Amino acid sequence: MSYNREYRTRITDSDSLMEALKQMGFHPEYHQAAVHLYGYHGDKRKETAEVVIPRKQVGAASNDIGFKQQADGAFLAIISDFDKAVYNNTWLNDVTGRALEFKALKSIKALGLKQVNRIEVSATHVRYQFQKG
């Protein structure tokens, strides 16, 4: 049995988190109220989360990956020691970056701006161009 560890993220919006995970090829589940995560044997774990990547999507002998929203709005990623070999800090930074980007775009579009260009400047920087209308 591998133990679950919690990793604080800067993600505060469940819609943005869900979109980021979908862009990465997952089919995450969203629950209004937190549900228990499950281990690779189908055993119910004590940890709960509102956003869940089911273990079958994570890997053949994997555990669920969860994201639990905290009182301050930030999500904690819950990842087992076993799955951390693949779903490591690099992966979590990618999820976070995508979620923050989606949230920013949602806010910008709400201002009535239209995206006309997206340029990947580097692995960690993206430049957008917008126009009114």
C-alpha atoms as a PDB file:
ATOM      1  CA  MET A   1       0.000   0.000   0.000  1.00  0.00           C
ATOM      2  CA  SER A   2       1.430   3.355  -0.961  1.00  0.00           C
ATOM      3  CA  TYR A   3       0.653   6.426   1.051  1.00  0.00           C
ATOM      4  CA  ASN A   4      -1.032   9.523  -0.306  1.00  0.00           C
ATOM      5  CA  ARG A   5       0.727  12.863  -0.018  1.00  0.00           C
ATOM      6  CA  GLU A   6      -0.784  16.331  -0.332  1.00  0.00           C
ATOM      7  CA  TYR A   7       0.712  19.066  -2.507  1.00  0.00           C
ATOM      8  CA  ARG A   8      -0.621  22.610  -2.328  1.00  0.00           C
ATOM      9  CA  THR A   9      -1.393  24.240  -5.686  1.00  0.00           C
ATOM     10  CA  ARG A  10      -2.240  27.788  -6.760  1.00  0.00           C
ATOM     11  CA  ILE A  11      -5.398  26.540  -8.492  1.00  0.00           C
ATOM     12  CA  THR A  12      -8.573  28.069  -7.033  1.00  0.00           C
ATOM     13  CA  ASP A  13     -11.150  27.447  -9.771  1.00  0.00           C
ATOM     14  CA  SER A  14     -12.651  23.978 -10.266  1.00  0.00           C
ATOM     15  CA  ASP A  15     -13.753  24.703 -13.870  1.00  0.00           C
ATOM     16  CA  SER A  16     -10.191  25.690 -14.779  1.00  0.00           C
ATOM     17  CA  LEU A  17      -8.779  22.602 -13.066  1.00  0.00           C
ATOM     18  CA  MET A  18     -11.239  20.349 -14.902  1.00  0.00           C
ATOM     19  CA  GLU A  19     -10.359  21.976 -18.239  1.00  0.00           C
ATOM     20  CA  ALA A  20      -6.621  21.613 -17.615  1.00  0.00           C
ATOM     21  CA  LEU A  21      -7.008  17.905 -16.843  1.00  0.00           C
ATOM     22  CA  LYS A  22      -9.178  17.391 -19.941  1.00  0.00           C
ATOM     23  CA  GLN A  23      -6.547  19.105 -22.102  1.00  0.00           C
ATOM     24  CA  MET A  24      -4.059  16.574 -20.731  1.00  0.00           C
ATOM     25  CA  GLY A  25      -6.224  13.647 -21.856  1.00  0.00           C
ATOM     26  CA  PHE A  26      -8.008  12.791 -18.608  1.00  0.00           C
ATOM     27  CA  HIS A  27     -11.724  12.475 -17.957  1.00  0.00           C
ATOM     28  CA  PRO A  28     -11.861  13.852 -14.414  1.00  0.00           C
ATOM     29  CA  GLU A  29     -14.907  13.578 -12.198  1.00  0.00           C
ATOM     30  CA  TYR A  30     -16.291  16.611 -10.373  1.00  0.00           C
ATOM     31  CA  HIS A  31     -18.265  16.174  -7.148  1.00  0.00           C
ATOM     32  CA  GLN A  32     -20.116  18.975  -5.299  1.00  0.00           C
ATOM     33  CA  ALA A  33     -19.205  17.275  -2.037  1.00  0.00           C
ATOM     34  CA  ALA A  34     -15.852  15.558  -1.598  1.00  0.00           C
ATOM     35  CA  VAL A  35     -15.796  11.789  -2.168  1.00  0.00           C
ATOM     36  CA  HIS A  36     -13.332   9.167  -0.956  1.00  0.00           C
ATOM     37  CA  LEU A  37     -10.373   8.275  -3.140  1.00  0.00           C
ATOM     38  CA  TYR A  38      -9.651   4.636  -3.962  1.00  0.00           C
ATOM     39  CA  GLY A  39      -6.415   2.680  -3.994  1.00  0.00           C
ATOM     40  CA  TYR A  40      -5.166   0.333  -6.681  1.00  0.00           C
ATOM     41  CA  HIS A  41      -6.967  -2.664  -5.103  1.00  0.00           C
ATOM     42  CA  GLY A  42     -10.259  -0.772  -5.066  1.00  0.00           C
ATOM     43  CA  ASP A  43      -9.864  -0.046  -1.363  1.00  0.00           C
ATOM     44  CA  LYS A  44     -11.509   3.106  -0.036  1.00  0.00           C
ATOM     45  CA  ARG A  45      -8.937   5.559   1.308  1.00  0.00           C
ATOM     46  CA  LYS A  46      -9.492   8.082   4.093  1.00  0.00           C
ATOM     47  CA  GLU A  47      -8.619  11.013   1.788  1.00  0.00           C
ATOM     48  CA  THR A  48     -11.436  12.843   0.005  1.00  0.00           C
ATOM     49  CA  ALA A  49     -11.529  15.211  -2.956  1.00  0.00           C
ATOM     50  CA  GLU A  50     -13.965  17.112  -5.155  1.00  0.00           C
ATOM     51  CA  VAL A  51     -12.021  16.574  -8.392  1.00  0.00           C
ATOM     52  CA  VAL A  52     -10.913  13.001  -9.041  1.00  0.00           C
ATOM     53  CA  ILE A  53      -8.885  11.324 -11.759  1.00  0.00           C
ATOM     54  CA  PRO A  54     -10.015   7.681 -11.455  1.00  0.00           C
ATOM     55  CA  ARG A  55      -7.173   5.200 -10.935  1.00  0.00           C
ATOM     56  CA  LYS A  56      -7.863   3.399 -14.232  1.00  0.00           C
ATOM     57  CA  GLN A  57      -6.932   6.623 -16.068  1.00  0.00           C
ATOM     58  CA  VAL A  58      -3.779   7.058 -13.993  1.00  0.00           C
ATOM     59  CA  GLY A  59      -2.217   3.637 -14.643  1.00  0.00           C
ATOM     60  CA  ALA A  60      -2.738  -0.108 -14.418  1.00  0.00           C
ATOM     61  CA  ALA A  61      -1.605  -0.427 -10.773  1.00  0.00           C
ATOM     62  CA  SER A  62      -2.360   3.135  -9.723  1.00  0.00           C
ATOM     63  CA  ASN A  63      -4.465   4.963  -7.170  1.00  0.00           C
ATOM     64  CA  ASP A  64      -6.975   7.751  -7.708  1.00  0.00           C
ATOM     65  CA  ILE A  65      -5.494  11.236  -7.917  1.00  0.00           C
ATOM     66  CA  GLY A  66      -7.585  13.831  -6.141  1.00  0.00           C
ATOM     67  CA  PHE A  67      -7.797  17.583  -5.817  1.00  0.00           C
ATOM     68  CA  LYS A  68      -9.360  18.812  -2.574  1.00  0.00           C
ATOM     69  CA  GLN A  69     -10.451  22.430  -2.228  1.00  0.00           C
ATOM     70  CA  GLN A  70      -9.336  24.117   0.988  1.00  0.00           C
ATOM     71  CA  ALA A  71     -11.085  26.815   3.030  1.00  0.00           C
ATOM     72  CA  ASP A  72      -9.003  29.520   1.304  1.00  0.00           C
ATOM     73  CA  GLY A  73     -10.080  28.230  -2.142  1.00  0.00           C
ATOM     74  CA  ALA A  74      -6.781  26.619  -3.171  1.00  0.00           C
ATOM     75  CA  PHE A  75      -6.734  22.971  -4.208  1.00  0.00           C
ATOM     76  CA  LEU A  76      -4.496  20.349  -2.648  1.00  0.00           C
ATOM     77  CA  ALA A  77      -3.365  17.642  -5.026  1.00  0.00           C
ATOM     78  CA  ILE A  78      -3.491  14.198  -3.421  1.00  0.00           C
ATOM     79  CA  ILE A  79      -1.069  11.815  -5.130  1.00  0.00           C
ATOM     80  CA  SER A  80       0.210   8.462  -3.871  1.00  0.00           C
ATOM     81  CA  ASP A  81       3.908   7.833  -3.377  1.00  0.00           C
ATOM     82  CA  PHE A  82       3.700   5.155  -6.090  1.00  0.00           C
ATOM     83  CA  ASP A  83       2.081   7.478  -8.661  1.00  0.00           C
ATOM     84  CA  LYS A  84       4.412  10.372  -7.831  1.00  0.00           C
ATOM     85  CA  ALA A  85       7.035   8.669 -10.022  1.00  0.00           C
ATOM     86  CA  VAL A  86       5.035   9.788 -13.088  1.00  0.00           C
ATOM     87  CA  TYR A  87       2.696  12.424 -11.661  1.00  0.00           C
ATOM     88  CA  ASN A  88       5.514  14.464 -10.163  1.00  0.00           C
ATOM     89  CA  ASN A  89       6.215  18.173  -9.656  1.00  0.00           C
ATOM     90  CA  THR A  90       6.717  18.708 -13.403  1.00  0.00           C
ATOM     91  CA  TRP A  91       3.303  17.196 -14.119  1.00  0.00           C
ATOM     92  CA  LEU A  92       1.662  19.173 -11.312  1.00  0.00           C
ATOM     93  CA  ASN A  93       3.275  22.404 -12.558  1.00  0.00           C
ATOM     94  CA  ASP A  94       1.849  21.657 -16.019  1.00  0.00           C
ATOM     95  CA  VAL A  95      -1.650  21.140 -14.561  1.00  0.00           C
ATOM     96  CA  THR A  96      -1.319  24.358 -12.553  1.00  0.00           C
ATOM     97  CA  GLY A  97      -0.062  26.385 -15.519  1.00  0.00           C
ATOM     98  CA  ARG A  98      -2.877  25.177 -17.765  1.00  0.00           C
ATOM     99  CA  ALA A  99      -5.501  25.857 -15.088  1.00  0.00           C
ATOM    100  CA  LEU A 100      -4.199  29.369 -14.417  1.00  0.00           C
ATOM    101  CA  GLU A 101      -4.051  30.082 -18.151  1.00  0.00           C
ATOM    102  CA  PHE A 102      -7.638  28.901 -18.644  1.00  0.00           C
ATOM    103  CA  LYS A 103      -8.845  31.024 -15.703  1.00  0.00           C
ATOM    104  CA  ALA A 104      -7.085  34.122 -17.071  1.00  0.00           C
ATOM    105  CA  LEU A 105      -8.563  33.582 -20.549  1.00  0.00           C
ATOM    106  CA  LYS A 106     -12.026  33.171 -19.060  1.00  0.00           C
ATOM    107  CA  SER A 107     -11.631  36.519 -17.248  1.00  0.00           C
ATOM    108  CA  ILE A 108     -10.320  38.275 -20.347  1.00  0.00           C
ATOM    109  CA  LYS A 109     -13.162  36.998 -22.520  1.00  0.00           C
ATOM    110  CA  ALA A 110     -15.636  38.236 -19.910  1.00  0.00           C
ATOM    111  CA  LEU A 111     -14.242  41.732 -20.604  1.00  0.00           C
ATOM    112  CA  GLY A 112     -15.374  41.399 -24.223  1.00  0.00           C
ATOM    113  CA  LEU A 113     -11.965  40.745 -25.744  1.00  0.00           C
ATOM    114  CA  LYS A 114     -11.378  38.194 -28.499  1.00  0.00           C
ATOM    115  CA  GLN A 115      -8.195  36.142 -28.752  1.00  0.00           C
ATOM    116  CA  VAL A 116      -6.476  36.629 -32.109  1.00  0.00           C
ATOM    117  CA  ASN A 117      -3.089  35.029 -31.481  1.00  0.00           C
ATOM    118  CA  ARG A 118      -1.260  32.696 -29.092  1.00  0.00           C
ATOM    119  CA  ILE A 119       2.518  32.364 -29.216  1.00  0.00           C
ATOM    120  CA  GLU A 120       4.510  29.951 -27.057  1.00  0.00           C
ATOM    121  CA  VAL A 121       7.553  32.058 -26.221  1.00  0.00           C
ATOM    122  CA  SER A 122       9.182  29.287 -24.170  1.00  0.00           C
ATOM    123  CA  ALA A 123       8.208  26.163 -22.273  1.00  0.00           C
ATOM    124  CA  THR A 124       6.928  28.338 -19.444  1.00  0.00           C
ATOM    125  CA  HIS A 125       5.734  31.518 -21.191  1.00  0.00           C
ATOM    126  CA  VAL A 126       2.874  32.175 -23.570  1.00  0.00           C
ATOM    127  CA  ARG A 127       2.044  35.486 -25.251  1.00  0.00           C
ATOM    128  CA  TYR A 128      -1.501  36.318 -26.316  1.00  0.00           C
ATOM    129  CA  GLN A 129      -2.930  39.002 -28.536  1.00  0.00           C
ATOM    130  CA  PHE A 130      -6.500  40.203 -28.108  1.00  0.00           C
ATOM    131  CA  GLN A 131      -8.805  42.633 -29.814  1.00  0.00           C
ATOM    132  CA  LYS A 132     -12.078  44.212 -28.808  1.00  0.00           C
ATOM    133  CA  GLY A 133     -15.224  42.624 -30.030  1.00  0.00           C
END
